[in-house]
Amino acid sequence: MKANYDKIFDEILNTVNHGSTAENVMGVLKRNGLVEGKPTKKRMWLFNFNGGGWNSVMAVTHNEAVEAVKKEYGGSPSLVPLLDSVRPSTEGDYQTQMRNFD
């Protein structure tokens, strides 16, 4: 029986914690017939701004998250997102970011 894409992706994220790397691993697993399906679960993706600060977008894949960040902040002269910082949010990552508000 093949494993479900979203279940395995979540498990890989707990180890790798980098969206594009996890998607590359999933591609290898799919090509080798070890997982089936495609990503369907929307998840929170965190990113940082040049000069400090962070925000999040909701998307299914890393590429969709990057496009959502570009769409929302692409024309802003003061809020310049660091596209290479786009990453899936883990509970620990999110809690670390939220501590800045205390």
PDB file of N, CA and C in Angstrom:
ATOM      1  N   MET A   1       0.838  -1.181   0.000  1.00  0.00           N
ATOM      2  CA  MET A   1       0.000   0.000   0.000  1.00  0.00           C
ATOM      3  C   MET A   1       0.887   1.251   0.000  1.00  0.00           C
ATOM      4  N   LYS A   2       0.563   2.185  -0.850  1.00  0.00           N
ATOM      5  CA  LYS A   2       1.312   3.434  -0.929  1.00  0.00           C
ATOM      6  C   LYS A   2       0.836   4.401   0.150  1.00  0.00           C
ATOM      7  N   ALA A   3       1.765   5.208   0.616  1.00  0.00           N
ATOM      8  CA  ALA A   3       1.449   6.187   1.651  1.00  0.00           C
ATOM      9  C   ALA A   3       0.806   7.427   1.032  1.00  0.00           C
ATOM     10  N   ASN A   4       0.029   8.135   1.823  1.00  0.00           N
ATOM     11  CA  ASN A   4      -0.628   9.368   1.413  1.00  0.00           C
ATOM     12  C   ASN A   4       0.382  10.509   1.366  1.00  0.00           C
ATOM     13  N   TYR A   5       0.321  11.308   0.309  1.00  0.00           N
ATOM     14  CA  TYR A   5       1.277  12.396   0.077  1.00  0.00           C
ATOM     15  C   TYR A   5       1.340  13.352   1.268  1.00  0.00           C
ATOM     16  N   ASP A   6       0.200  13.887   1.703  1.00  0.00           N
ATOM     17  CA  ASP A   6       0.196  14.886   2.766  1.00  0.00           C
ATOM     18  C   ASP A   6       0.748  14.327   4.078  1.00  0.00           C
ATOM     19  N   LYS A   7       0.449  13.072   4.390  1.00  0.00           N
ATOM     20  CA  LYS A   7       0.931  12.466   5.628  1.00  0.00           C
ATOM     21  C   LYS A   7       2.463  12.365   5.607  1.00  0.00           C
ATOM     22  N   ILE A   8       3.018  11.886   4.515  1.00  0.00           N
ATOM     23  CA  ILE A   8       4.470  11.737   4.406  1.00  0.00           C
ATOM     24  C   ILE A   8       5.144  13.107   4.360  1.00  0.00           C
ATOM     25  N   PHE A   9       4.540  14.071   3.651  1.00  0.00           N
ATOM     26  CA  PHE A   9       5.106  15.418   3.578  1.00  0.00           C
ATOM     27  C   PHE A   9       5.228  16.017   4.974  1.00  0.00           C
ATOM     28  N   ASP A  10       4.184  15.868   5.800  1.00  0.00           N
ATOM     29  CA  ASP A  10       4.231  16.390   7.170  1.00  0.00           C
ATOM     30  C   ASP A  10       5.354  15.726   7.961  1.00  0.00           C
ATOM     31  N   GLU A  11       5.538  14.428   7.786  1.00  0.00           N
ATOM     32  CA  GLU A  11       6.605  13.727   8.500  1.00  0.00           C
ATOM     33  C   GLU A  11       7.978  14.209   8.045  1.00  0.00           C
ATOM     34  N   ILE A  12       8.146  14.438   6.756  1.00  0.00           N
ATOM     35  CA  ILE A  12       9.425  14.940   6.249  1.00  0.00           C
ATOM     36  C   ILE A  12       9.695  16.344   6.784  1.00  0.00           C
ATOM     37  N   LEU A  13       8.664  17.188   6.838  1.00  0.00           N
ATOM     38  CA  LEU A  13       8.845  18.547   7.345  1.00  0.00           C
ATOM     39  C   LEU A  13       9.324  18.556   8.789  1.00  0.00           C
ATOM     40  N   ASN A  14       8.913  17.571   9.567  1.00  0.00           N
ATOM     41  CA  ASN A  14       9.376  17.501  10.956  1.00  0.00           C
ATOM     42  C   ASN A  14      10.868  17.242  11.031  1.00  0.00           C
ATOM     43  N   THR A  15      11.447  16.697   9.967  1.00  0.00           N
ATOM     44  CA  THR A  15      12.877  16.412   9.937  1.00  0.00           C
ATOM     45  C   THR A  15      13.640  17.477   9.164  1.00  0.00           C
ATOM     46  N   VAL A  16      13.152  17.846   7.986  1.00  0.00           N
ATOM     47  CA  VAL A  16      13.875  18.733   7.079  1.00  0.00           C
ATOM     48  C   VAL A  16      13.583  20.200   7.359  1.00  0.00           C
ATOM     49  N   ASN A  17      12.314  20.554   7.580  1.00  0.00           N
ATOM     50  CA  ASN A  17      11.843  21.914   7.844  1.00  0.00           C
ATOM     51  C   ASN A  17      12.240  22.910   6.761  1.00  0.00           C
ATOM     52  N   HIS A  18      12.214  22.484   5.527  1.00  0.00           N
ATOM     53  CA  HIS A  18      12.435  23.403   4.406  1.00  0.00           C
ATOM     54  C   HIS A  18      11.523  22.949   3.284  1.00  0.00           C
ATOM     55  N   GLY A  19      10.586  23.809   2.909  1.00  0.00           N
ATOM     56  CA  GLY A  19       9.526  23.424   1.984  1.00  0.00           C
ATOM     57  C   GLY A  19       9.991  22.907   0.647  1.00  0.00           C
ATOM     58  N   SER A  20      10.927  23.609  -0.019  1.00  0.00           N
ATOM     59  CA  SER A  20      11.335  23.156  -1.346  1.00  0.00           C
ATOM     60  C   SER A  20      12.120  21.852  -1.256  1.00  0.00           C
ATOM     61  N   THR A  21      12.908  21.663  -0.208  1.00  0.00           N
ATOM     62  CA  THR A  21      13.635  20.403  -0.032  1.00  0.00           C
ATOM     63  C   THR A  21      12.654  19.263   0.192  1.00  0.00           C
ATOM     64  N   ALA A  22      11.671  19.496   1.040  1.00  0.00           N
ATOM     65  CA  ALA A  22      10.666  18.465   1.297  1.00  0.00           C
ATOM     66  C   ALA A  22       9.916  18.113   0.019  1.00  0.00           C
ATOM     67  N   GLU A  23       9.592  19.108  -0.806  1.00  0.00           N
ATOM     68  CA  GLU A  23       8.909  18.830  -2.070  1.00  0.00           C
ATOM     69  C   GLU A  23       9.809  18.042  -3.017  1.00  0.00           C
ATOM     70  N   ASN A  24      11.105  18.308  -3.014  1.00  0.00           N
ATOM     71  CA  ASN A  24      12.034  17.526  -3.843  1.00  0.00           C
ATOM     72  C   ASN A  24      12.073  16.078  -3.390  1.00  0.00           C
ATOM     73  N   VAL A  25      12.108  15.854  -2.088  1.00  0.00           N
ATOM     74  CA  VAL A  25      12.092  14.491  -1.553  1.00  0.00           C
ATOM     75  C   VAL A  25      10.804  13.790  -1.956  1.00  0.00           C
ATOM     76  N   MET A  26       9.690  14.499  -1.862  1.00  0.00           N
ATOM     77  CA  MET A  26       8.409  13.899  -2.238  1.00  0.00           C
ATOM     78  C   MET A  26       8.399  13.514  -3.716  1.00  0.00           C
ATOM     79  N   GLY A  27       9.019  14.329  -4.562  1.00  0.00           N
ATOM     80  CA  GLY A  27       9.105  13.997  -5.986  1.00  0.00           C
ATOM     81  C   GLY A  27       9.835  12.688  -6.214  1.00  0.00           C
ATOM     82  N   VAL A  28      10.916  12.478  -5.486  1.00  0.00           N
ATOM     83  CA  VAL A  28      11.673  11.221  -5.602  1.00  0.00           C
ATOM     84  C   VAL A  28      10.818  10.047  -5.132  1.00  0.00           C
ATOM     85  N   LEU A  29      10.129  10.218  -4.014  1.00  0.00           N
ATOM     86  CA  LEU A  29       9.277   9.142  -3.496  1.00  0.00           C
ATOM     87  C   LEU A  29       8.146   8.804  -4.473  1.00  0.00           C
ATOM     88  N   LYS A  30       7.561   9.827  -5.104  1.00  0.00           N
ATOM     89  CA  LYS A  30       6.495   9.582  -6.084  1.00  0.00           C
ATOM     90  C   LYS A  30       7.031   8.838  -7.299  1.00  0.00           C
ATOM     91  N   ARG A  31       8.180   9.293  -7.822  1.00  0.00           N
ATOM     92  CA  ARG A  31       8.752   8.638  -9.002  1.00  0.00           C
ATOM     93  C   ARG A  31       9.093   7.180  -8.734  1.00  0.00           C
ATOM     94  N   ASN A  32       9.399   6.864  -7.497  1.00  0.00           N
ATOM     95  CA  ASN A  32       9.725   5.494  -7.133  1.00  0.00           C
ATOM     96  C   ASN A  32       8.513   4.696  -6.664  1.00  0.00           C
ATOM     97  N   GLY A  33       7.328   5.295  -6.783  1.00  0.00           N
ATOM     98  CA  GLY A  33       6.098   4.580  -6.463  1.00  0.00           C
ATOM     99  C   GLY A  33       5.858   4.362  -4.984  1.00  0.00           C
ATOM    100  N   LEU A  34       6.494   5.162  -4.122  1.00  0.00           N
ATOM    101  CA  LEU A  34       6.351   4.956  -2.690  1.00  0.00           C
ATOM    102  C   LEU A  34       5.230   5.787  -2.064  1.00  0.00           C
ATOM    103  N   VAL A  35       4.813   6.842  -2.747  1.00  0.00           N
ATOM    104  CA  VAL A  35       3.666   7.631  -2.287  1.00  0.00           C
ATOM    105  C   VAL A  35       2.757   7.880  -3.475  1.00  0.00           C
ATOM    106  N   GLU A  36       1.507   8.155  -3.172  1.00  0.00           N
ATOM    107  CA  GLU A  36       0.554   8.452  -4.237  1.00  0.00           C
ATOM    108  C   GLU A  36      -0.167   9.753  -3.947  1.00  0.00           C
ATOM    109  N   GLY A  37      -0.781  10.282  -4.952  1.00  0.00           N
ATOM    110  CA  GLY A  37      -1.534  11.510  -4.806  1.00  0.00           C
ATOM    111  C   GLY A  37      -0.656  12.728  -5.018  1.00  0.00           C
ATOM    112  N   LYS A  38      -1.193  13.869  -4.631  1.00  0.00           N
ATOM    113  CA  LYS A  38      -0.468  15.126  -4.741  1.00  0.00           C
ATOM    114  C   LYS A  38      -0.811  15.952  -3.519  1.00  0.00           C
ATOM    115  N   PRO A  39      -0.078  17.035  -3.277  1.00  0.00           N
ATOM    116  CA  PRO A  39      -0.381  17.827  -2.101  1.00  0.00           C
ATOM    117  C   PRO A  39      -1.766  18.464  -2.209  1.00  0.00           C
ATOM    118  N   THR A  40      -2.530  18.375  -1.149  1.00  0.00           N
ATOM    119  CA  THR A  40      -3.871  18.957  -1.135  1.00  0.00           C
ATOM    120  C   THR A  40      -4.102  19.813   0.099  1.00  0.00           C
ATOM    121  N   LYS A  41      -3.292  19.633   1.101  1.00  0.00           N
ATOM    122  CA  LYS A  41      -3.486  20.294   2.382  1.00  0.00           C
ATOM    123  C   LYS A  41      -2.885  21.696   2.373  1.00  0.00           C
ATOM    124  N   LYS A  42      -3.738  22.705   2.613  1.00  0.00           N
ATOM    125  CA  LYS A  42      -3.211  24.061   2.757  1.00  0.00           C
ATOM    126  C   LYS A  42      -2.525  24.146   4.104  1.00  0.00           C
ATOM    127  N   ARG A  43      -1.352  24.769   4.086  1.00  0.00           N
ATOM    128  CA  ARG A  43      -0.614  24.949   5.320  1.00  0.00           C
ATOM    129  C   ARG A  43      -0.090  26.373   5.395  1.00  0.00           C
ATOM    130  N   MET A  44       0.318  26.769   6.567  1.00  0.00           N
ATOM    131  CA  MET A  44       0.878  28.092   6.771  1.00  0.00           C
ATOM    132  C   MET A  44       2.356  28.068   6.381  1.00  0.00           C
ATOM    133  N   TRP A  45       2.758  29.086   5.607  1.00  0.00           N
ATOM    134  CA  TRP A  45       4.155  29.258   5.208  1.00  0.00           C
ATOM    135  C   TRP A  45       4.630  30.593   5.777  1.00  0.00           C
ATOM    136  N   LEU A  46       5.695  30.568   6.540  1.00  0.00           N
ATOM    137  CA  LEU A  46       6.260  31.774   7.139  1.00  0.00           C
ATOM    138  C   LEU A  46       7.339  32.336   6.223  1.00  0.00           C
ATOM    139  N   PHE A  47       7.577  33.640   6.339  1.00  0.00           N
ATOM    140  CA  PHE A  47       8.672  34.268   5.598  1.00  0.00           C
ATOM    141  C   PHE A  47       9.107  35.521   6.344  1.00  0.00           C
ATOM    142  N   ASN A  48      10.310  35.969   6.046  1.00  0.00           N
ATOM    143  CA  ASN A  48      10.876  37.148   6.681  1.00  0.00           C
ATOM    144  C   ASN A  48      10.966  38.297   5.692  1.00  0.00           C
ATOM    145  N   PHE A  49      11.074  39.496   6.272  1.00  0.00           N
ATOM    146  CA  PHE A  49      11.272  40.696   5.470  1.00  0.00           C
ATOM    147  C   PHE A  49      12.714  41.162   5.578  1.00  0.00           C
ATOM    148  N   ASN A  50      13.187  41.782   4.527  1.00  0.00           N
ATOM    149  CA  ASN A  50      14.494  42.421   4.549  1.00  0.00           C
ATOM    150  C   ASN A  50      14.471  43.491   5.640  1.00  0.00           C
ATOM    151  N   GLY A  51      15.416  43.463   6.550  1.00  0.00           N
ATOM    152  CA  GLY A  51      15.461  44.441   7.632  1.00  0.00           C
ATOM    153  C   GLY A  51      14.732  43.999   8.886  1.00  0.00           C
ATOM    154  N   GLY A  52      14.073  42.856   8.860  1.00  0.00           N
ATOM    155  CA  GLY A  52      13.398  42.334  10.048  1.00  0.00           C
ATOM    156  C   GLY A  52      11.904  42.208   9.869  1.00  0.00           C
ATOM    157  N   GLY A  53      11.324  41.423  10.722  1.00  0.00           N
ATOM    158  CA  GLY A  53       9.891  41.171  10.690  1.00  0.00           C
ATOM    159  C   GLY A  53       9.562  39.906   9.910  1.00  0.00           C
ATOM    160  N   TRP A  54       8.347  39.458  10.049  1.00  0.00           N
ATOM    161  CA  TRP A  54       7.898  38.242   9.377  1.00  0.00           C
ATOM    162  C   TRP A  54       6.391  38.323   9.147  1.00  0.00           C
ATOM    163  N   ASN A  55       5.901  37.409   8.338  1.00  0.00           N
ATOM    164  CA  ASN A  55       4.474  37.264   8.109  1.00  0.00           C
ATOM    165  C   ASN A  55       4.234  35.861   7.599  1.00  0.00           C
ATOM    166  N   SER A  56       3.009  35.577   7.225  1.00  0.00           N
ATOM    167  CA  SER A  56       2.687  34.236   6.742  1.00  0.00           C
ATOM    168  C   SER A  56       1.661  34.316   5.610  1.00  0.00           C
ATOM    169  N   VAL A  57       1.624  33.268   4.816  1.00  0.00           N
ATOM    170  CA  VAL A  57       0.612  33.071   3.785  1.00  0.00           C
ATOM    171  C   VAL A  57       0.142  31.626   3.877  1.00  0.00           C
ATOM    172  N   MET A  58      -1.033  31.368   3.354  1.00  0.00           N
ATOM    173  CA  MET A  58      -1.561  30.005   3.293  1.00  0.00           C
ATOM    174  C   MET A  58      -1.442  29.517   1.863  1.00  0.00           C
ATOM    175  N   ALA A  59      -0.889  28.309   1.691  1.00  0.00           N
ATOM    176  CA  ALA A  59      -0.721  27.732   0.359  1.00  0.00           C
ATOM    177  C   ALA A  59      -0.526  26.231   0.489  1.00  0.00           C
ATOM    178  N   VAL A  60      -0.687  25.538  -0.631  1.00  0.00           N
ATOM    179  CA  VAL A  60      -0.500  24.091  -0.650  1.00  0.00           C
ATOM    180  C   VAL A  60       0.977  23.744  -0.860  1.00  0.00           C
ATOM    181  N   THR A  61       1.628  24.418  -1.796  1.00  0.00           N
ATOM    182  CA  THR A  61       3.022  24.088  -2.117  1.00  0.00           C
ATOM    183  C   THR A  61       3.942  25.282  -1.867  1.00  0.00           C
ATOM    184  N   HIS A  62       5.232  25.003  -1.854  1.00  0.00           N
ATOM    185  CA  HIS A  62       6.239  26.056  -1.679  1.00  0.00           C
ATOM    186  C   HIS A  62       6.131  27.083  -2.799  1.00  0.00           C
ATOM    187  N   ASN A  63       6.003  26.625  -4.040  1.00  0.00           N
ATOM    188  CA  ASN A  63       5.894  27.553  -5.170  1.00  0.00           C
ATOM    189  C   ASN A  63       4.654  28.439  -5.054  1.00  0.00           C
ATOM    190  N   GLU A  64       3.525  27.865  -4.633  1.00  0.00           N
ATOM    191  CA  GLU A  64       2.313  28.663  -4.442  1.00  0.00           C
ATOM    192  C   GLU A  64       2.523  29.691  -3.337  1.00  0.00           C
ATOM    193  N   ALA A  65       3.243  29.320  -2.281  1.00  0.00           N
ATOM    194  CA  ALA A  65       3.513  30.247  -1.182  1.00  0.00           C
ATOM    195  C   ALA A  65       4.369  31.409  -1.672  1.00  0.00           C
ATOM    196  N   VAL A  66       5.408  31.122  -2.439  1.00  0.00           N
ATOM    197  CA  VAL A  66       6.272  32.177  -2.974  1.00  0.00           C
ATOM    198  C   VAL A  66       5.459  33.117  -3.855  1.00  0.00           C
ATOM    199  N   GLU A  67       4.601  32.567  -4.700  1.00  0.00           N
ATOM    200  CA  GLU A  67       3.768  33.407  -5.567  1.00  0.00           C
ATOM    201  C   GLU A  67       2.808  34.267  -4.745  1.00  0.00           C
ATOM    202  N   ALA A  68       2.257  33.719  -3.665  1.00  0.00           N
ATOM    203  CA  ALA A  68       1.348  34.494  -2.811  1.00  0.00           C
ATOM    204  C   ALA A  68       2.088  35.651  -2.137  1.00  0.00           C
ATOM    205  N   VAL A  69       3.326  35.405  -1.715  1.00  0.00           N
ATOM    206  CA  VAL A  69       4.131  36.467  -1.104  1.00  0.00           C
ATOM    207  C   VAL A  69       4.422  37.558  -2.133  1.00  0.00           C
ATOM    208  N   LYS A  70       4.811  37.147  -3.338  1.00  0.00           N
ATOM    209  CA  LYS A  70       5.086  38.123  -4.403  1.00  0.00           C
ATOM    210  C   LYS A  70       3.847  38.962  -4.714  1.00  0.00           C
ATOM    211  N   LYS A  71       2.695  38.300  -4.782  1.00  0.00           N
ATOM    212  CA  LYS A  71       1.456  38.997  -5.110  1.00  0.00           C
ATOM    213  C   LYS A  71       1.100  40.015  -4.034  1.00  0.00           C
ATOM    214  N   GLU A  72       1.284  39.630  -2.762  1.00  0.00           N
ATOM    215  CA  GLU A  72       0.886  40.511  -1.675  1.00  0.00           C
ATOM    216  C   GLU A  72       1.878  41.648  -1.432  1.00  0.00           C
ATOM    217  N   TYR A  73       3.172  41.377  -1.586  1.00  0.00           N
ATOM    218  CA  TYR A  73       4.175  42.375  -1.210  1.00  0.00           C
ATOM    219  C   TYR A  73       5.094  42.798  -2.352  1.00  0.00           C
ATOM    220  N   GLY A  74       4.857  42.310  -3.550  1.00  0.00           N
ATOM    221  CA  GLY A  74       5.744  42.591  -4.670  1.00  0.00           C
ATOM    222  C   GLY A  74       5.914  44.056  -4.999  1.00  0.00           C
ATOM    223  N   GLY A  75       4.910  44.863  -4.788  1.00  0.00           N
ATOM    224  CA  GLY A  75       4.993  46.280  -5.132  1.00  0.00           C
ATOM    225  C   GLY A  75       5.307  47.189  -3.961  1.00  0.00           C
ATOM    226  N   SER A  76       5.554  46.618  -2.806  1.00  0.00           N
ATOM    227  CA  SER A  76       5.783  47.447  -1.619  1.00  0.00           C
ATOM    228  C   SER A  76       7.233  47.933  -1.562  1.00  0.00           C
ATOM    229  N   PRO A  77       7.431  49.246  -1.460  1.00  0.00           N
ATOM    230  CA  PRO A  77       8.801  49.766  -1.364  1.00  0.00           C
ATOM    231  C   PRO A  77       9.406  49.579   0.022  1.00  0.00           C
ATOM    232  N   SER A  78       8.558  49.445   1.050  1.00  0.00           N
ATOM    233  CA  SER A  78       9.086  49.351   2.410  1.00  0.00           C
ATOM    234  C   SER A  78       9.080  47.934   2.980  1.00  0.00           C
ATOM    235  N   LEU A  79       8.162  47.086   2.534  1.00  0.00           N
ATOM    236  CA  LEU A  79       8.112  45.700   2.996  1.00  0.00           C
ATOM    237  C   LEU A  79       8.625  44.801   1.882  1.00  0.00           C
ATOM    238  N   VAL A  80       9.898  44.464   1.963  1.00  0.00           N
ATOM    239  CA  VAL A  80      10.538  43.648   0.923  1.00  0.00           C
ATOM    240  C   VAL A  80      10.732  42.233   1.472  1.00  0.00           C
ATOM    241  N   PRO A  81       9.943  41.275   0.998  1.00  0.00           N
ATOM    242  CA  PRO A  81      10.063  39.913   1.516  1.00  0.00           C
ATOM    243  C   PRO A  81      11.337  39.232   1.003  1.00  0.00           C
ATOM    244  N   LEU A  82      11.897  38.402   1.854  1.00  0.00           N
ATOM    245  CA  LEU A  82      13.033  37.562   1.463  1.00  0.00           C
ATOM    246  C   LEU A  82      12.460  36.237   0.972  1.00  0.00           C
ATOM    247  N   LEU A  83      12.378  36.081  -0.335  1.00  0.00           N
ATOM    248  CA  LEU A  83      11.710  34.908  -0.903  1.00  0.00           C
ATOM    249  C   LEU A  83      12.418  33.606  -0.556  1.00  0.00           C
ATOM    250  N   ASP A  84      13.725  33.672  -0.305  1.00  0.00           N
ATOM    251  CA  ASP A  84      14.426  32.444   0.062  1.00  0.00           C
ATOM    252  C   ASP A  84      14.158  32.043   1.524  1.00  0.00           C
ATOM    253  N   SER A  85      13.404  32.874   2.267  1.00  0.00           N
ATOM    254  CA  SER A  85      13.059  32.528   3.644  1.00  0.00           C
ATOM    255  C   SER A  85      11.695  31.851   3.753  1.00  0.00           C
ATOM    256  N   VAL A  86      10.970  31.714   2.643  1.00  0.00           N
ATOM    257  CA  VAL A  86       9.638  31.086   2.682  1.00  0.00           C
ATOM    258  C   VAL A  86       9.806  29.631   3.097  1.00  0.00           C
ATOM    259  N   ARG A  87       9.113  29.280   4.177  1.00  0.00           N
ATOM    260  CA  ARG A  87       9.231  27.939   4.733  1.00  0.00           C
ATOM    261  C   ARG A  87       7.913  27.521   5.358  1.00  0.00           C
ATOM    262  N   PRO A  88       7.658  26.215   5.390  1.00  0.00           N
ATOM    263  CA  PRO A  88       6.423  25.760   6.023  1.00  0.00           C
ATOM    264  C   PRO A  88       6.521  25.989   7.524  1.00  0.00           C
ATOM    265  N   SER A  89       5.435  26.372   8.109  1.00  0.00           N
ATOM    266  CA  SER A  89       5.408  26.629   9.540  1.00  0.00           C
ATOM    267  C   SER A  89       5.262  25.325  10.295  1.00  0.00           C
ATOM    268  N   THR A  90       6.183  25.093  11.188  1.00  0.00           N
ATOM    269  CA  THR A  90       6.013  24.013  12.155  1.00  0.00           C
ATOM    270  C   THR A  90       5.511  24.669  13.438  1.00  0.00           C
ATOM    271  N   GLU A  91       4.989  23.898  14.347  1.00  0.00           N
ATOM    272  CA  GLU A  91       4.485  24.463  15.598  1.00  0.00           C
ATOM    273  C   GLU A  91       5.608  25.191  16.340  1.00  0.00           C
ATOM    274  N   GLY A  92       6.798  24.607  16.376  1.00  0.00           N
ATOM    275  CA  GLY A  92       7.918  25.235  17.065  1.00  0.00           C
ATOM    276  C   GLY A  92       8.339  26.540  16.413  1.00  0.00           C
ATOM    277  N   ASP A  93       8.386  26.565  15.101  1.00  0.00           N
ATOM    278  CA  ASP A  93       8.771  27.770  14.363  1.00  0.00           C
ATOM    279  C   ASP A  93       7.769  28.888  14.622  1.00  0.00           C
ATOM    280  N   TYR A  94       6.497  28.558  14.555  1.00  0.00           N
ATOM    281  CA  TYR A  94       5.446  29.554  14.776  1.00  0.00           C
ATOM    282  C   TYR A  94       5.514  30.107  16.197  1.00  0.00           C
ATOM    283  N   GLN A  95       5.684  29.226  17.188  1.00  0.00           N
ATOM    284  CA  GLN A  95       5.758  29.670  18.577  1.00  0.00           C
ATOM    285  C   GLN A  95       6.967  30.570  18.802  1.00  0.00           C
ATOM    286  N   THR A  96       8.080  30.258  18.168  1.00  0.00           N
ATOM    287  CA  THR A  96       9.267  31.104  18.273  1.00  0.00           C
ATOM    288  C   THR A  96       8.986  32.492  17.732  1.00  0.00           C
ATOM    289  N   GLN A  97       8.316  32.566  16.586  1.00  0.00           N
ATOM    290  CA  GLN A  97       7.987  33.872  15.997  1.00  0.00           C
ATOM    291  C   GLN A  97       7.015  34.646  16.891  1.00  0.00           C
ATOM    292  N   MET A  98       6.061  33.960  17.476  1.00  0.00           N
ATOM    293  CA  MET A  98       5.040  34.626  18.296  1.00  0.00           C
ATOM    294  C   MET A  98       5.624  35.160  19.605  1.00  0.00           C
ATOM    295  N   ARG A  99       6.715  34.587  20.093  1.00  0.00           N
ATOM    296  CA  ARG A  99       7.336  35.072  21.327  1.00  0.00           C
ATOM    297  C   ARG A  99       7.783  36.527  21.184  1.00  0.00           C
ATOM    298  N   ASN A 100       8.018  36.966  19.972  1.00  0.00           N
ATOM    299  CA  ASN A 100       8.446  38.346  19.751  1.00  0.00           C
ATOM    300  C   ASN A 100       7.363  39.351  20.120  1.00  0.00           C
ATOM    301  N   PHE A 101       6.103  38.886  20.258  1.00  0.00           N
ATOM    302  CA  PHE A 101       5.005  39.796  20.578  1.00  0.00           C
ATOM    303  C   PHE A 101       4.798  39.952  22.073  1.00  0.00           C
ATOM    304  N   ASP A 102       5.445  39.126  22.870  1.00  0.00           N
ATOM    305  CA  ASP A 102       5.278  39.212  24.345  1.00  0.00           C
ATOM    306  C   ASP A 102       5.932  40.446  24.906  1.00  0.00           C
TER     307      ASP A 102
END
